[in-house]
Amino acid sequence: MPSPTGQGSLGSDAIEYDRSVVGQEVPVGRFEVTRAQYAAFDPSFKFEPGMENVPASGMTFANAQAYCAW
């Protein structure tokens, strides 16, 4: 719904919220890590073109932990 100034609800005055939450003192991301984000950490991680924004999968638990530490 437009505001009285004519700007949409996500106009230039939009607030950027933190994208993490805390559950039982363990920080967790609000969104999945995308394939493009994981590939920035691990350039050997390959995926098909057009799939950059799909959640990353297929890595080992140790590699996921290393990504989080990164």
PDB file of N, CA and C in Angstrom:
ATOM      1  N   MET A   1       0.844  -1.170   0.000  1.00  0.00           N
ATOM      2  CA  MET A   1       0.000   0.000   0.000  1.00  0.00           C
ATOM      3  C   MET A   1       0.887   1.231   0.000  1.00  0.00           C
ATOM      4  N   PRO A   2       0.653   2.182  -0.928  1.00  0.00           N
ATOM      5  CA  PRO A   2       1.489   3.372  -0.988  1.00  0.00           C
ATOM      6  C   PRO A   2       1.323   4.240   0.251  1.00  0.00           C
ATOM      7  N   SER A   3       2.422   4.893   0.628  1.00  0.00           N
ATOM      8  CA  SER A   3       2.371   5.821   1.750  1.00  0.00           C
ATOM      9  C   SER A   3       1.802   7.150   1.267  1.00  0.00           C
ATOM     10  N   PRO A   4       1.500   8.076   2.187  1.00  0.00           N
ATOM     11  CA  PRO A   4       0.981   9.375   1.772  1.00  0.00           C
ATOM     12  C   PRO A   4       1.914  10.145   0.841  1.00  0.00           C
ATOM     13  N   THR A   5       3.216   9.829   0.868  1.00  0.00           N
ATOM     14  CA  THR A   5       4.160  10.526  -0.008  1.00  0.00           C
ATOM     15  C   THR A   5       4.193   9.908  -1.398  1.00  0.00           C
ATOM     16  N   GLY A   6       3.470   8.826  -1.579  1.00  0.00           N
ATOM     17  CA  GLY A   6       3.439   8.181  -2.891  1.00  0.00           C
ATOM     18  C   GLY A   6       4.472   7.079  -3.027  1.00  0.00           C
ATOM     19  N   GLN A   7       5.327   6.900  -2.022  1.00  0.00           N
ATOM     20  CA  GLN A   7       6.309   5.841  -2.088  1.00  0.00           C
ATOM     21  C   GLN A   7       5.671   4.532  -1.654  1.00  0.00           C
ATOM     22  N   GLY A   8       6.136   3.442  -2.226  1.00  0.00           N
ATOM     23  CA  GLY A   8       5.659   2.136  -1.811  1.00  0.00           C
ATOM     24  C   GLY A   8       6.130   1.821  -0.408  1.00  0.00           C
ATOM     25  N   SER A   9       5.668   0.719   0.129  1.00  0.00           N
ATOM     26  CA  SER A   9       6.014   0.363   1.497  1.00  0.00           C
ATOM     27  C   SER A   9       7.501   0.062   1.669  1.00  0.00           C
ATOM     28  N   LEU A  10       8.221  -0.176   0.582  1.00  0.00           N
ATOM     29  CA  LEU A  10       9.661  -0.415   0.658  1.00  0.00           C
ATOM     30  C   LEU A  10      10.417   0.694  -0.058  1.00  0.00           C
ATOM     31  N   GLY A  11      10.013   1.916   0.129  1.00  0.00           N
ATOM     32  CA  GLY A  11      10.673   3.059  -0.489  1.00  0.00           C
ATOM     33  C   GLY A  11      12.036   3.308   0.109  1.00  0.00           C
ATOM     34  N   SER A  12      12.584   4.470  -0.139  1.00  0.00           N
ATOM     35  CA  SER A  12      13.937   4.775   0.300  1.00  0.00           C
ATOM     36  C   SER A  12      14.063   4.808   1.815  1.00  0.00           C
ATOM     37  N   ASP A  13      12.956   4.894   2.544  1.00  0.00           N
ATOM     38  CA  ASP A  13      12.992   4.913   3.997  1.00  0.00           C
ATOM     39  C   ASP A  13      12.872   3.509   4.600  1.00  0.00           C
ATOM     40  N   ALA A  14      12.980   2.469   3.765  1.00  0.00           N
ATOM     41  CA  ALA A  14      12.833   1.095   4.255  1.00  0.00           C
ATOM     42  C   ALA A  14      13.930   0.789   5.262  1.00  0.00           C
ATOM     43  N   ILE A  15      13.604  -0.005   6.253  1.00  0.00           N
ATOM     44  CA  ILE A  15      14.546  -0.389   7.295  1.00  0.00           C
ATOM     45  C   ILE A  15      15.110  -1.757   6.947  1.00  0.00           C
ATOM     46  N   GLU A  16      16.425  -1.891   7.005  1.00  0.00           N
ATOM     47  CA  GLU A  16      17.079  -3.175   6.779  1.00  0.00           C
ATOM     48  C   GLU A  16      17.204  -3.867   8.130  1.00  0.00           C
ATOM     49  N   TYR A  17      16.593  -5.030   8.268  1.00  0.00           N
ATOM     50  CA  TYR A  17      16.628  -5.762   9.518  1.00  0.00           C
ATOM     51  C   TYR A  17      17.765  -6.777   9.503  1.00  0.00           C
ATOM     52  N   ASP A  18      18.294  -7.079  10.674  1.00  0.00           N
ATOM     53  CA  ASP A  18      19.308  -8.110  10.816  1.00  0.00           C
ATOM     54  C   ASP A  18      18.721  -9.419  10.313  1.00  0.00           C
ATOM     55  N   ARG A  19      19.485 -10.175   9.578  1.00  0.00           N
ATOM     56  CA  ARG A  19      18.984 -11.408   8.989  1.00  0.00           C
ATOM     57  C   ARG A  19      19.410 -12.639   9.757  1.00  0.00           C
ATOM     58  N   SER A  20      19.588 -12.503  11.040  1.00  0.00           N
ATOM     59  CA  SER A  20      19.899 -13.664  11.865  1.00  0.00           C
ATOM     60  C   SER A  20      19.000 -13.641  13.096  1.00  0.00           C
ATOM     61  N   VAL A  21      18.820 -14.795  13.649  1.00  0.00           N
ATOM     62  CA  VAL A  21      18.027 -14.925  14.864  1.00  0.00           C
ATOM     63  C   VAL A  21      18.836 -15.723  15.874  1.00  0.00           C
ATOM     64  N   VAL A  22      18.479 -15.641  17.128  1.00  0.00           N
ATOM     65  CA  VAL A  22      19.178 -16.399  18.155  1.00  0.00           C
ATOM     66  C   VAL A  22      18.192 -17.366  18.780  1.00  0.00           C
ATOM     67  N   GLY A  23      18.554 -18.635  18.786  1.00  0.00           N
ATOM     68  CA  GLY A  23      17.721 -19.658  19.399  1.00  0.00           C
ATOM     69  C   GLY A  23      18.562 -20.444  20.387  1.00  0.00           C
ATOM     70  N   GLN A  24      18.211 -20.397  21.625  1.00  0.00           N
ATOM     71  CA  GLN A  24      18.938 -21.097  22.675  1.00  0.00           C
ATOM     72  C   GLN A  24      20.433 -20.758  22.630  1.00  0.00           C
ATOM     73  N   GLU A  25      20.721 -19.479  22.464  1.00  0.00           N
ATOM     74  CA  GLU A  25      22.102 -18.975  22.451  1.00  0.00           C
ATOM     75  C   GLU A  25      22.934 -19.472  21.275  1.00  0.00           C
ATOM     76  N   VAL A  26      22.298 -19.992  20.245  1.00  0.00           N
ATOM     77  CA  VAL A  26      23.004 -20.429  19.049  1.00  0.00           C
ATOM     78  C   VAL A  26      22.544 -19.550  17.893  1.00  0.00           C
ATOM     79  N   PRO A  27      23.437 -18.733  17.326  1.00  0.00           N
ATOM     80  CA  PRO A  27      23.009 -17.906  16.205  1.00  0.00           C
ATOM     81  C   PRO A  27      22.756 -18.764  14.961  1.00  0.00           C
ATOM     82  N   VAL A  28      21.650 -18.527  14.289  1.00  0.00           N
ATOM     83  CA  VAL A  28      21.322 -19.224  13.053  1.00  0.00           C
ATOM     84  C   VAL A  28      20.913 -18.200  12.010  1.00  0.00           C
ATOM     85  N   GLY A  29      21.219 -18.483  10.768  1.00  0.00           N
ATOM     86  CA  GLY A  29      20.845 -17.589   9.692  1.00  0.00           C
ATOM     87  C   GLY A  29      19.353 -17.644   9.438  1.00  0.00           C
ATOM     88  N   ARG A  30      18.812 -16.528   9.040  1.00  0.00           N
ATOM     89  CA  ARG A  30      17.387 -16.470   8.739  1.00  0.00           C
ATOM     90  C   ARG A  30      17.081 -17.089   7.383  1.00  0.00           C
ATOM     91  N   PHE A  31      18.046 -17.038   6.477  1.00  0.00           N
ATOM     92  CA  PHE A  31      17.864 -17.571   5.124  1.00  0.00           C
ATOM     93  C   PHE A  31      18.903 -18.645   4.842  1.00  0.00           C
ATOM     94  N   GLU A  32      18.584 -19.528   3.916  1.00  0.00           N
ATOM     95  CA  GLU A  32      19.526 -20.558   3.500  1.00  0.00           C
ATOM     96  C   GLU A  32      20.725 -19.905   2.818  1.00  0.00           C
ATOM     97  N   VAL A  33      21.864 -20.566   2.871  1.00  0.00           N
ATOM     98  CA  VAL A  33      23.043 -20.122   2.137  1.00  0.00           C
ATOM     99  C   VAL A  33      22.847 -20.539   0.688  1.00  0.00           C
ATOM    100  N   THR A  34      23.008 -19.598  -0.223  1.00  0.00           N
ATOM    101  CA  THR A  34      22.831 -19.927  -1.637  1.00  0.00           C
ATOM    102  C   THR A  34      24.081 -20.591  -2.199  1.00  0.00           C
ATOM    103  N   ARG A  35      23.927 -21.182  -3.363  1.00  0.00           N
ATOM    104  CA  ARG A  35      25.065 -21.816  -4.024  1.00  0.00           C
ATOM    105  C   ARG A  35      26.128 -20.780  -4.368  1.00  0.00           C
ATOM    106  N   ALA A  36      25.705 -19.607  -4.798  1.00  0.00           N
ATOM    107  CA  ALA A  36      26.670 -18.551  -5.124  1.00  0.00           C
ATOM    108  C   ALA A  36      27.424 -18.102  -3.880  1.00  0.00           C
ATOM    109  N   GLN A  37      26.731 -17.984  -2.753  1.00  0.00           N
ATOM    110  CA  GLN A  37      27.401 -17.582  -1.512  1.00  0.00           C
ATOM    111  C   GLN A  37      28.411 -18.631  -1.070  1.00  0.00           C
ATOM    112  N   TYR A  38      28.031 -19.895  -1.156  1.00  0.00           N
ATOM    113  CA  TYR A  38      28.959 -20.954  -0.744  1.00  0.00           C
ATOM    114  C   TYR A  38      30.141 -21.030  -1.698  1.00  0.00           C
ATOM    115  N   ALA A  39      29.908 -20.829  -2.996  1.00  0.00           N
ATOM    116  CA  ALA A  39      30.989 -20.870  -3.982  1.00  0.00           C
ATOM    117  C   ALA A  39      31.997 -19.742  -3.762  1.00  0.00           C
ATOM    118  N   ALA A  40      31.562 -18.616  -3.165  1.00  0.00           N
ATOM    119  CA  ALA A  40      32.501 -17.546  -2.832  1.00  0.00           C
ATOM    120  C   ALA A  40      33.500 -18.034  -1.781  1.00  0.00           C
ATOM    121  N   PHE A  41      33.074 -18.928  -0.912  1.00  0.00           N
ATOM    122  CA  PHE A  41      33.935 -19.529   0.110  1.00  0.00           C
ATOM    123  C   PHE A  41      34.770 -20.661  -0.483  1.00  0.00           C
ATOM    124  N   ASP A  42      34.134 -21.506  -1.290  1.00  0.00           N
ATOM    125  CA  ASP A  42      34.787 -22.697  -1.844  1.00  0.00           C
ATOM    126  C   ASP A  42      34.663 -22.672  -3.370  1.00  0.00           C
ATOM    127  N   PRO A  43      35.655 -22.100  -4.066  1.00  0.00           N
ATOM    128  CA  PRO A  43      35.573 -21.997  -5.531  1.00  0.00           C
ATOM    129  C   PRO A  43      35.457 -23.334  -6.261  1.00  0.00           C
ATOM    130  N   SER A  44      35.781 -24.446  -5.593  1.00  0.00           N
ATOM    131  CA  SER A  44      35.637 -25.751  -6.247  1.00  0.00           C
ATOM    132  C   SER A  44      34.182 -26.241  -6.235  1.00  0.00           C
ATOM    133  N   PHE A  45      33.312 -25.552  -5.507  1.00  0.00           N
ATOM    134  CA  PHE A  45      31.887 -25.910  -5.451  1.00  0.00           C
ATOM    135  C   PHE A  45      31.245 -25.502  -6.773  1.00  0.00           C
ATOM    136  N   LYS A  46      30.768 -26.449  -7.519  1.00  0.00           N
ATOM    137  CA  LYS A  46      30.201 -26.201  -8.853  1.00  0.00           C
ATOM    138  C   LYS A  46      28.691 -26.391  -8.842  1.00  0.00           C
ATOM    139  N   PHE A  47      28.010 -25.613  -9.669  1.00  0.00           N
ATOM    140  CA  PHE A  47      26.565 -25.732  -9.828  1.00  0.00           C
ATOM    141  C   PHE A  47      26.194 -25.278 -11.236  1.00  0.00           C
ATOM    142  N   GLU A  48      25.004 -25.661 -11.670  1.00  0.00           N
ATOM    143  CA  GLU A  48      24.555 -25.346 -13.021  1.00  0.00           C
ATOM    144  C   GLU A  48      24.240 -23.859 -13.156  1.00  0.00           C
ATOM    145  N   PRO A  49      24.499 -23.282 -14.320  1.00  0.00           N
ATOM    146  CA  PRO A  49      24.139 -21.877 -14.548  1.00  0.00           C
ATOM    147  C   PRO A  49      22.645 -21.660 -14.288  1.00  0.00           C
ATOM    148  N   GLY A  50      22.320 -20.525 -13.701  1.00  0.00           N
ATOM    149  CA  GLY A  50      20.939 -20.205 -13.389  1.00  0.00           C
ATOM    150  C   GLY A  50      20.488 -20.717 -12.033  1.00  0.00           C
ATOM    151  N   MET A  51      21.361 -21.422 -11.326  1.00  0.00           N
ATOM    152  CA  MET A  51      21.008 -22.001 -10.032  1.00  0.00           C
ATOM    153  C   MET A  51      21.717 -21.289  -8.876  1.00  0.00           C
ATOM    154  N   GLU A  52      22.174 -20.064  -9.108  1.00  0.00           N
ATOM    155  CA  GLU A  52      22.950 -19.324  -8.118  1.00  0.00           C
ATOM    156  C   GLU A  52      22.191 -19.073  -6.822  1.00  0.00           C
ATOM    157  N   ASN A  53      20.886 -18.860  -6.911  1.00  0.00           N
ATOM    158  CA  ASN A  53      20.095 -18.500  -5.733  1.00  0.00           C
ATOM    159  C   ASN A  53      19.380 -19.671  -5.076  1.00  0.00           C
ATOM    160  N   VAL A  54      19.704 -20.887  -5.525  1.00  0.00           N
ATOM    161  CA  VAL A  54      19.146 -22.103  -4.924  1.00  0.00           C
ATOM    162  C   VAL A  54      19.973 -22.425  -3.679  1.00  0.00           C
ATOM    163  N   PRO A  55      19.354 -22.908  -2.606  1.00  0.00           N
ATOM    164  CA  PRO A  55      20.138 -23.250  -1.414  1.00  0.00           C
ATOM    165  C   PRO A  55      21.261 -24.239  -1.725  1.00  0.00           C
ATOM    166  N   ALA A  56      22.415 -23.996  -1.130  1.00  0.00           N
ATOM    167  CA  ALA A  56      23.566 -24.876  -1.315  1.00  0.00           C
ATOM    168  C   ALA A  56      23.316 -26.203  -0.620  1.00  0.00           C
ATOM    169  N   SER A  57      23.826 -27.269  -1.199  1.00  0.00           N
ATOM    170  CA  SER A  57      23.694 -28.596  -0.606  1.00  0.00           C
ATOM    171  C   SER A  57      24.833 -29.468  -1.107  1.00  0.00           C
ATOM    172  N   GLY A  58      25.010 -30.601  -0.446  1.00  0.00           N
ATOM    173  CA  GLY A  58      25.985 -31.573  -0.912  1.00  0.00           C
ATOM    174  C   GLY A  58      27.367 -31.444  -0.304  1.00  0.00           C
ATOM    175  N   MET A  59      27.581 -30.455   0.556  1.00  0.00           N
ATOM    176  CA  MET A  59      28.895 -30.341   1.180  1.00  0.00           C
ATOM    177  C   MET A  59      28.916 -31.179   2.460  1.00  0.00           C
ATOM    178  N   THR A  60      30.108 -31.473   2.928  1.00  0.00           N
ATOM    179  CA  THR A  60      30.224 -32.241   4.164  1.00  0.00           C
ATOM    180  C   THR A  60      29.894 -31.342   5.356  1.00  0.00           C
ATOM    181  N   PHE A  61      29.617 -31.967   6.491  1.00  0.00           N
ATOM    182  CA  PHE A  61      29.353 -31.215   7.707  1.00  0.00           C
ATOM    183  C   PHE A  61      30.568 -30.373   8.087  1.00  0.00           C
ATOM    184  N   ALA A  62      31.757 -30.945   7.908  1.00  0.00           N
ATOM    185  CA  ALA A  62      32.986 -30.212   8.217  1.00  0.00           C
ATOM    186  C   ALA A  62      33.123 -28.980   7.328  1.00  0.00           C
ATOM    187  N   ASN A  63      32.778 -29.104   6.051  1.00  0.00           N
ATOM    188  CA  ASN A  63      32.848 -27.949   5.148  1.00  0.00           C
ATOM    189  C   ASN A  63      31.793 -26.907   5.514  1.00  0.00           C
ATOM    190  N   ALA A  64      30.614 -27.345   5.938  1.00  0.00           N
ATOM    191  CA  ALA A  64      29.577 -26.402   6.371  1.00  0.00           C
ATOM    192  C   ALA A  64      30.044 -25.645   7.605  1.00  0.00           C
ATOM    193  N   GLN A  65      30.698 -26.350   8.530  1.00  0.00           N
ATOM    194  CA  GLN A  65      31.243 -25.689   9.711  1.00  0.00           C
ATOM    195  C   GLN A  65      32.329 -24.687   9.325  1.00  0.00           C
ATOM    196  N   ALA A  66      33.176 -25.053   8.379  1.00  0.00           N
ATOM    197  CA  ALA A  66      34.242 -24.153   7.918  1.00  0.00           C
ATOM    198  C   ALA A  66      33.639 -22.905   7.268  1.00  0.00           C
ATOM    199  N   TYR A  67      32.545 -23.083   6.494  1.00  0.00           N
ATOM    200  CA  TYR A  67      31.869 -21.928   5.896  1.00  0.00           C
ATOM    201  C   TYR A  67      31.357 -20.988   6.989  1.00  0.00           C
ATOM    202  N   CYS A  68      30.748 -21.555   8.015  1.00  0.00           N
ATOM    203  CA  CYS A  68      30.216 -20.730   9.110  1.00  0.00           C
ATOM    204  C   CYS A  68      31.329 -19.982   9.829  1.00  0.00           C
ATOM    205  N   ALA A  69      32.463 -20.616  10.019  1.00  0.00           N
ATOM    206  CA  ALA A  69      33.591 -19.972  10.669  1.00  0.00           C
ATOM    207  C   ALA A  69      34.184 -18.879   9.779  1.00  0.00           C
ATOM    208  N   TRP A  70      34.099 -19.060   8.469  1.00  0.00           N
ATOM    209  CA  TRP A  70      34.618 -18.108   7.497  1.00  0.00           C
ATOM    210  C   TRP A  70      33.847 -16.827   7.587  1.00  0.00           C
TER     211      TRP A  70
END
